[in-house]
N, C-alpha and C. Protein backbone atom coordinates (compact mmCIF):
# COMPACT_ATOMS: atom_id res chain seq x y z
N MET A 1 61.90 15.20 -56.28
CA MET A 1 62.06 15.11 -54.52
C MET A 1 63.33 14.69 -54.27
N THR A 2 63.87 15.30 -53.05
CA THR A 2 65.12 15.08 -52.72
C THR A 2 65.31 13.70 -51.97
N PHE A 3 66.53 13.47 -51.76
CA PHE A 3 66.90 11.82 -50.75
C PHE A 3 66.15 12.55 -49.60
N LEU A 4 66.49 13.46 -49.08
CA LEU A 4 66.35 13.96 -47.49
C LEU A 4 64.57 14.03 -47.44
N GLU A 5 64.33 14.48 -48.80
CA GLU A 5 62.69 14.62 -48.60
C GLU A 5 62.00 13.24 -48.27
N MET A 6 62.46 12.36 -49.39
CA MET A 6 62.23 10.94 -49.31
C MET A 6 62.14 10.31 -48.35
N LYS A 7 63.50 10.24 -47.41
CA LYS A 7 63.85 10.00 -45.99
C LYS A 7 62.67 10.18 -44.88
N SER A 8 62.41 11.73 -45.39
CA SER A 8 61.66 12.11 -43.90
C SER A 8 60.00 11.98 -44.37
N LYS A 9 59.43 11.76 -45.42
CA LYS A 9 58.20 11.31 -45.71
C LYS A 9 58.44 9.83 -44.90
N GLU A 10 59.30 8.94 -45.20
CA GLU A 10 59.52 7.62 -45.04
C GLU A 10 59.46 7.41 -43.18
N ARG A 11 59.99 8.34 -42.46
CA ARG A 11 60.28 8.67 -41.10
C ARG A 11 58.81 9.18 -40.53
N VAL A 12 57.85 10.11 -41.19
CA VAL A 12 56.48 10.48 -40.85
C VAL A 12 55.47 9.15 -40.98
N LYS A 13 55.56 8.86 -42.04
CA LYS A 13 54.61 7.26 -41.94
C LYS A 13 54.87 6.44 -40.84
N GLN A 14 56.18 6.16 -40.41
CA GLN A 14 56.39 5.18 -39.34
C GLN A 14 56.27 5.69 -38.02
N ALA A 15 56.37 6.85 -37.75
CA ALA A 15 55.98 7.63 -36.51
C ALA A 15 54.44 8.10 -36.29
N ASP A 16 53.92 8.20 -37.33
CA ASP A 16 52.52 8.63 -37.12
C ASP A 16 51.51 7.81 -36.48
N LYS A 17 52.04 6.75 -36.41
CA LYS A 17 51.02 5.79 -35.12
C LYS A 17 51.11 6.45 -33.43
N TRP A 18 52.26 6.94 -33.67
CA TRP A 18 52.37 7.67 -32.14
C TRP A 18 51.78 9.02 -31.72
N ARG A 19 51.46 9.50 -33.17
CA ARG A 19 50.37 10.88 -32.97
C ARG A 19 49.31 10.29 -32.40
N ARG A 20 48.68 9.00 -32.31
CA ARG A 20 47.50 9.19 -31.96
C ARG A 20 47.49 9.05 -30.42
N VAL A 21 48.59 8.85 -29.77
CA VAL A 21 48.52 9.16 -28.43
C VAL A 21 48.76 10.32 -27.84
N ASN A 22 48.47 10.51 -26.41
CA ASN A 22 48.12 11.79 -26.01
C ASN A 22 49.88 12.34 -25.34
N SER A 23 50.32 11.39 -25.22
CA SER A 23 51.84 11.53 -24.50
C SER A 23 53.02 10.78 -25.02
N SER A 24 54.01 11.30 -24.88
CA SER A 24 55.46 10.24 -25.11
C SER A 24 55.28 9.21 -24.18
N GLU A 25 55.16 9.36 -22.88
CA GLU A 25 55.03 8.24 -22.15
C GLU A 25 53.91 7.04 -22.51
N GLU A 26 52.86 7.72 -23.28
CA GLU A 26 52.19 6.54 -23.49
C GLU A 26 52.87 5.67 -24.62
N ALA A 27 53.77 6.59 -25.65
CA ALA A 27 54.11 6.16 -26.70
C ALA A 27 55.11 4.83 -26.61
N ILE A 28 56.08 5.36 -25.46
CA ILE A 28 56.83 4.66 -24.91
C ILE A 28 56.21 3.03 -24.54
N LYS A 29 55.02 3.18 -23.64
CA LYS A 29 54.27 2.03 -23.35
C LYS A 29 54.05 1.26 -24.66
N ILE A 30 53.55 1.74 -25.78
CA ILE A 30 53.37 1.02 -27.00
C ILE A 30 54.57 0.58 -27.33
N MET A 31 55.76 1.05 -27.77
CA MET A 31 56.93 0.30 -28.38
C MET A 31 57.61 -0.45 -27.36
N GLU A 32 57.32 -0.39 -26.04
CA GLU A 32 57.75 -1.52 -25.51
C GLU A 32 56.91 -2.77 -25.58
N ARG A 33 55.48 -2.94 -25.68
CA ARG A 33 54.92 -3.76 -26.05
C ARG A 33 55.26 -4.44 -27.29
N GLU A 34 55.35 -3.74 -28.47
CA GLU A 34 55.75 -4.14 -29.91
C GLU A 34 57.24 -4.49 -30.14
N ASN A 35 58.08 -3.88 -29.31
CA ASN A 35 59.64 -4.03 -29.47
C ASN A 35 60.33 -4.91 -28.36
N GLY A 36 59.62 -4.85 -27.38
CA GLY A 36 60.40 -5.61 -26.04
C GLY A 36 61.25 -4.81 -25.43
N GLU A 37 62.76 -5.65 -25.28
CA GLU A 37 63.63 -4.86 -24.34
C GLU A 37 64.23 -3.65 -25.72
N LEU A 38 64.84 -2.56 -24.77
CA LEU A 38 65.39 -1.28 -25.49
C LEU A 38 66.72 -1.49 -25.93
N LYS A 39 67.21 -1.45 -26.95
CA LYS A 39 68.74 -1.78 -27.53
C LYS A 39 69.45 -0.77 -27.70
N ILE A 40 69.39 0.29 -28.16
CA ILE A 40 69.44 1.48 -28.01
C ILE A 40 69.42 2.45 -27.03
N LEU A 41 70.39 2.83 -26.41
CA LEU A 41 70.49 3.54 -25.16
C LEU A 41 71.10 4.47 -25.39
N VAL A 42 70.19 5.79 -25.70
CA VAL A 42 70.74 7.20 -26.22
C VAL A 42 71.39 7.65 -24.80
N GLN A 43 72.56 8.21 -25.12
CA GLN A 43 73.02 9.17 -23.64
C GLN A 43 72.86 10.66 -24.36
N ASN A 44 72.92 10.83 -25.10
CA ASN A 44 72.72 12.59 -25.34
C ASN A 44 72.43 12.65 -26.67
N THR A 45 72.03 14.11 -26.76
CA THR A 45 71.61 14.43 -28.12
C THR A 45 71.64 16.01 -28.85
N LYS A 46 72.01 16.07 -29.85
CA LYS A 46 72.33 17.23 -30.15
C LYS A 46 71.05 17.90 -31.43
N VAL A 47 70.19 18.60 -31.41
CA VAL A 47 69.62 18.70 -32.85
C VAL A 47 70.22 19.90 -33.43
N LEU A 48 70.59 19.46 -34.84
CA LEU A 48 71.27 20.43 -35.78
C LEU A 48 70.76 21.60 -36.48
N ALA A 49 69.54 20.79 -36.90
CA ALA A 49 69.01 21.71 -37.68
C ALA A 49 67.69 21.45 -37.93
N GLY A 50 66.93 21.80 -39.21
CA GLY A 50 65.79 21.34 -39.20
C GLY A 50 65.07 21.73 -40.77
N ALA A 51 63.94 21.04 -41.14
CA ALA A 51 63.37 21.80 -42.41
C ALA A 51 62.00 21.37 -42.37
N LYS A 52 61.11 22.42 -43.38
CA LYS A 52 59.52 21.81 -43.29
C LYS A 52 59.15 21.51 -44.51
N TYR A 53 58.53 20.60 -45.05
CA TYR A 53 58.21 20.19 -46.57
C TYR A 53 56.60 20.22 -46.30
N GLY A 54 56.03 21.33 -47.01
CA GLY A 54 54.42 21.51 -46.81
C GLY A 54 54.22 21.10 -45.37
N SER A 55 53.41 20.07 -45.06
CA SER A 55 52.67 19.89 -43.82
C SER A 55 53.66 18.62 -42.75
N PHE A 56 54.86 18.51 -43.02
CA PHE A 56 55.63 17.89 -42.31
C PHE A 56 56.76 18.81 -41.95
N ALA A 57 57.36 18.32 -40.65
CA ALA A 57 58.75 18.96 -40.34
C ALA A 57 59.71 18.01 -39.91
N ILE A 58 60.73 17.95 -39.84
CA ILE A 58 62.00 17.00 -39.41
C ILE A 58 63.22 18.04 -38.72
N HIS A 59 63.32 17.17 -37.63
CA HIS A 59 64.79 17.71 -37.16
C HIS A 59 65.86 16.56 -37.48
N GLU A 60 66.95 17.16 -37.77
CA GLU A 60 68.32 16.59 -37.96
C GLU A 60 69.20 16.27 -36.69
N PHE A 61 69.31 15.39 -36.39
CA PHE A 61 70.15 15.20 -34.92
C PHE A 61 71.48 14.31 -34.91
N ARG A 62 72.50 14.58 -34.02
CA ARG A 62 73.54 13.50 -33.70
C ARG A 62 73.51 13.13 -32.31
N ALA A 63 73.45 11.94 -32.02
CA ALA A 63 73.02 11.59 -31.07
C ALA A 63 74.36 10.25 -30.55
N GLU A 64 74.96 10.14 -29.44
CA GLU A 64 75.68 9.17 -28.90
C GLU A 64 74.95 8.27 -28.17
N ALA A 65 75.01 6.66 -28.71
CA ALA A 65 74.18 5.74 -28.12
C ALA A 65 75.00 4.69 -27.97
N VAL A 66 74.59 4.08 -26.55
CA VAL A 66 75.09 2.37 -26.54
C VAL A 66 74.14 1.44 -27.02
N ILE A 67 75.07 0.60 -28.30
CA ILE A 67 74.38 -0.45 -28.95
C ILE A 67 75.55 -1.28 -29.14
N ASN A 68 74.86 -2.55 -28.31
CA ASN A 68 75.43 -3.53 -27.91
C ASN A 68 76.55 -3.61 -27.17
N GLY A 69 76.43 -2.58 -26.05
CA GLY A 69 77.89 -2.55 -25.41
C GLY A 69 78.78 -1.36 -25.95
N LYS A 70 78.43 -1.24 -27.17
CA LYS A 70 79.61 -0.20 -27.82
C LYS A 70 79.20 1.27 -27.71
N LEU A 71 79.76 2.47 -27.89
CA LEU A 71 79.28 3.73 -27.61
C LEU A 71 79.35 4.10 -29.18
N LYS A 72 78.22 4.40 -30.11
CA LYS A 72 78.22 4.77 -31.39
C LYS A 72 77.75 6.07 -31.64
N LYS A 73 78.17 6.55 -32.28
CA LYS A 73 77.67 8.24 -33.21
C LYS A 73 76.66 7.83 -34.07
N ILE A 74 75.35 8.83 -33.75
CA ILE A 74 74.16 8.26 -34.54
C ILE A 74 73.83 9.71 -35.66
N GLN A 75 73.91 10.00 -36.54
CA GLN A 75 73.73 11.17 -37.24
C GLN A 75 72.13 10.73 -38.02
N GLU A 76 70.90 11.44 -37.86
CA GLU A 76 69.82 10.82 -38.34
C GLU A 76 68.80 12.07 -38.26
N THR A 77 67.21 12.00 -38.60
CA THR A 77 66.26 12.87 -38.76
C THR A 77 65.06 12.36 -38.13
N VAL A 78 64.54 12.74 -37.75
CA VAL A 78 63.52 12.72 -36.95
C VAL A 78 62.25 13.49 -37.20
N PRO A 79 60.86 12.99 -37.28
CA PRO A 79 59.76 13.89 -37.57
C PRO A 79 59.25 14.51 -36.36
N VAL A 80 58.86 15.72 -36.49
CA VAL A 80 58.76 16.51 -35.29
C VAL A 80 56.88 16.72 -35.04
N GLY A 81 56.36 16.06 -35.56
CA GLY A 81 54.84 16.17 -35.42
C GLY A 81 54.48 16.20 -34.43
N TRP A 82 54.61 14.80 -33.73
CA TRP A 82 54.63 14.34 -32.39
C TRP A 82 54.83 15.15 -31.19
N LEU A 83 56.07 15.68 -31.50
CA LEU A 83 56.22 17.01 -30.13
C LEU A 83 55.31 18.18 -29.86
N LYS A 84 54.83 18.44 -31.19
CA LYS A 84 53.67 19.40 -31.52
C LYS A 84 52.51 19.00 -30.82
N ASP A 85 51.95 17.65 -31.05
CA ASP A 85 50.72 17.31 -30.57
C ASP A 85 50.88 16.92 -29.38
N TRP A 86 52.18 16.52 -28.63
CA TRP A 86 52.28 16.46 -27.18
C TRP A 86 52.52 17.41 -26.55
N GLY A 87 52.42 18.80 -27.24
CA GLY A 87 52.61 19.81 -26.51
C GLY A 87 54.16 20.20 -25.92
N ILE A 88 55.01 19.37 -26.38
CA ILE A 88 56.64 19.73 -25.98
C ILE A 88 57.19 20.95 -26.82
N ILE A 89 56.79 21.31 -27.94
CA ILE A 89 57.22 22.39 -29.03
C ILE A 89 56.05 23.11 -29.28
N LYS A 90 55.67 24.17 -29.75
CA LYS A 90 54.62 24.97 -30.28
C LYS A 90 54.99 25.18 -32.24
N ARG A 91 56.05 25.41 -32.09
CA ARG A 91 56.59 25.55 -33.55
C ARG A 91 57.27 24.60 -34.26
N TRP A 92 57.71 24.48 -35.26
CA TRP A 92 58.52 22.88 -35.86
C TRP A 92 60.06 23.53 -36.02
N ASP A 93 60.23 25.02 -35.90
CA ASP A 93 61.59 25.32 -35.46
C ASP A 93 61.90 25.50 -34.24
N SER A 94 61.56 25.08 -33.27
CA SER A 94 61.68 25.08 -31.94
C SER A 94 63.09 23.98 -31.37
N PHE A 95 64.02 24.03 -31.83
CA PHE A 95 65.15 23.24 -32.02
C PHE A 95 65.32 22.93 -30.39
N ARG A 96 65.70 24.13 -29.53
CA ARG A 96 66.03 24.09 -28.41
C ARG A 96 65.29 23.29 -27.44
N LYS A 97 63.97 23.32 -27.48
CA LYS A 97 62.68 22.68 -26.90
C LYS A 97 63.23 21.02 -27.12
N SER A 98 63.13 20.81 -28.60
CA SER A 98 63.02 19.43 -28.86
C SER A 98 64.46 18.77 -28.32
N GLU A 99 65.55 19.50 -28.65
CA GLU A 99 66.76 18.93 -28.11
C GLU A 99 66.78 18.30 -26.31
N ALA A 100 66.22 19.69 -25.71
CA ALA A 100 66.02 19.59 -24.52
C ALA A 100 64.94 18.47 -24.09
N PHE A 101 64.02 17.96 -24.76
CA PHE A 101 63.26 16.74 -24.50
C PHE A 101 63.84 15.63 -24.99
N LEU A 102 64.80 15.54 -26.13
CA LEU A 102 65.27 14.17 -26.31
C LEU A 102 66.51 14.09 -25.33
N ASN A 103 66.83 14.94 -24.57
CA ASN A 103 67.98 14.88 -23.44
C ASN A 103 67.29 14.08 -22.20
N THR A 104 66.00 14.36 -22.12
CA THR A 104 65.14 14.09 -20.82
C THR A 104 65.21 12.44 -20.53
N ASP A 105 65.30 11.61 -19.79
CA ASP A 105 65.24 10.69 -19.67
C ASP A 105 63.86 9.45 -20.66
N THR A 106 62.85 10.25 -20.47
CA THR A 106 61.97 9.85 -21.80
C THR A 106 62.27 10.49 -22.68
N GLY A 107 62.58 11.14 -23.01
CA GLY A 107 63.05 11.59 -24.25
C GLY A 107 64.07 10.74 -25.05
N LYS A 108 65.20 10.19 -24.34
CA LYS A 108 66.29 8.79 -24.58
C LYS A 108 65.49 7.68 -24.62
N ILE A 109 64.21 7.27 -24.04
CA ILE A 109 63.77 6.01 -24.40
C ILE A 109 63.02 6.38 -25.60
N TRP A 110 62.20 6.90 -25.65
CA TRP A 110 61.52 7.53 -27.23
C TRP A 110 62.32 7.01 -27.99
N LEU A 111 63.42 8.10 -28.00
CA LEU A 111 64.27 8.17 -29.35
C LEU A 111 65.06 6.73 -29.50
N GLY A 112 65.34 6.12 -28.36
CA GLY A 112 65.72 4.80 -28.63
C GLY A 112 65.06 3.73 -29.46
N TYR A 113 63.96 3.85 -28.69
CA TYR A 113 62.76 3.03 -29.38
C TYR A 113 62.68 3.16 -30.89
N PHE A 114 62.31 4.57 -30.93
CA PHE A 114 62.27 5.06 -32.47
C PHE A 114 63.21 4.25 -33.31
N LEU A 115 64.24 4.99 -32.87
CA LEU A 115 65.51 4.22 -33.63
C LEU A 115 65.75 2.95 -33.95
N GLN A 116 65.11 2.22 -33.03
CA GLN A 116 65.15 0.53 -32.97
C GLN A 116 64.30 0.32 -33.94
N GLU A 117 62.78 0.83 -34.23
CA GLU A 117 62.17 0.69 -34.90
C GLU A 117 62.19 1.11 -36.80
N VAL A 118 62.98 2.26 -36.82
CA VAL A 118 62.88 2.84 -38.16
C VAL A 118 64.35 2.38 -38.56
N LYS A 119 65.23 2.21 -37.78
CA LYS A 119 66.86 1.64 -38.44
C LYS A 119 67.26 0.71 -37.76
N PRO A 120 66.56 -0.58 -37.77
CA PRO A 120 67.04 -1.80 -37.13
C PRO A 120 68.31 -2.19 -37.45
N GLU A 121 68.74 -1.89 -38.72
CA GLU A 121 70.39 -2.16 -38.77
C GLU A 121 70.97 -1.69 -38.13
N LEU A 122 70.79 -0.83 -36.96
CA LEU A 122 72.17 -0.16 -35.97
C LEU A 122 72.19 -1.27 -34.73
N ILE A 123 71.38 -2.01 -34.92
CA ILE A 123 71.71 -2.97 -33.95
C ILE A 123 72.52 -4.01 -34.36
N ASN A 124 72.63 -4.36 -35.40
CA ASN A 124 73.21 -5.47 -36.58
C ASN A 124 74.69 -4.92 -36.80
N GLN A 125 74.91 -3.82 -36.34
CA GLN A 125 76.44 -3.39 -37.13
C GLN A 125 77.40 -3.93 -36.11
């Protein structure tokens, strides 16, 4: 198993709890309760590529985010099963639709909380 596959499976497990909700707005409410204040303020996102491993898929993205008052560049992967479940994309390789969602206000908040949960070290850098 490659490093990217291991990393992707870890992300899928962490994001799996949001698959049980009906919308990204519902997921954000859960994340607000669990994490409190949003500390990673995503400014814009560019989806670079994607991959599918068996039954799960990921998108690799680059984002600019304000963390602790500083603009930082982040490159990370995110599972896209929840996007399909929420009706945002129909196929795992719908990169433009994924990117369009991640650049909406709701998408930026969701991605900020997602990063806050799976990469807490970003806040302490």
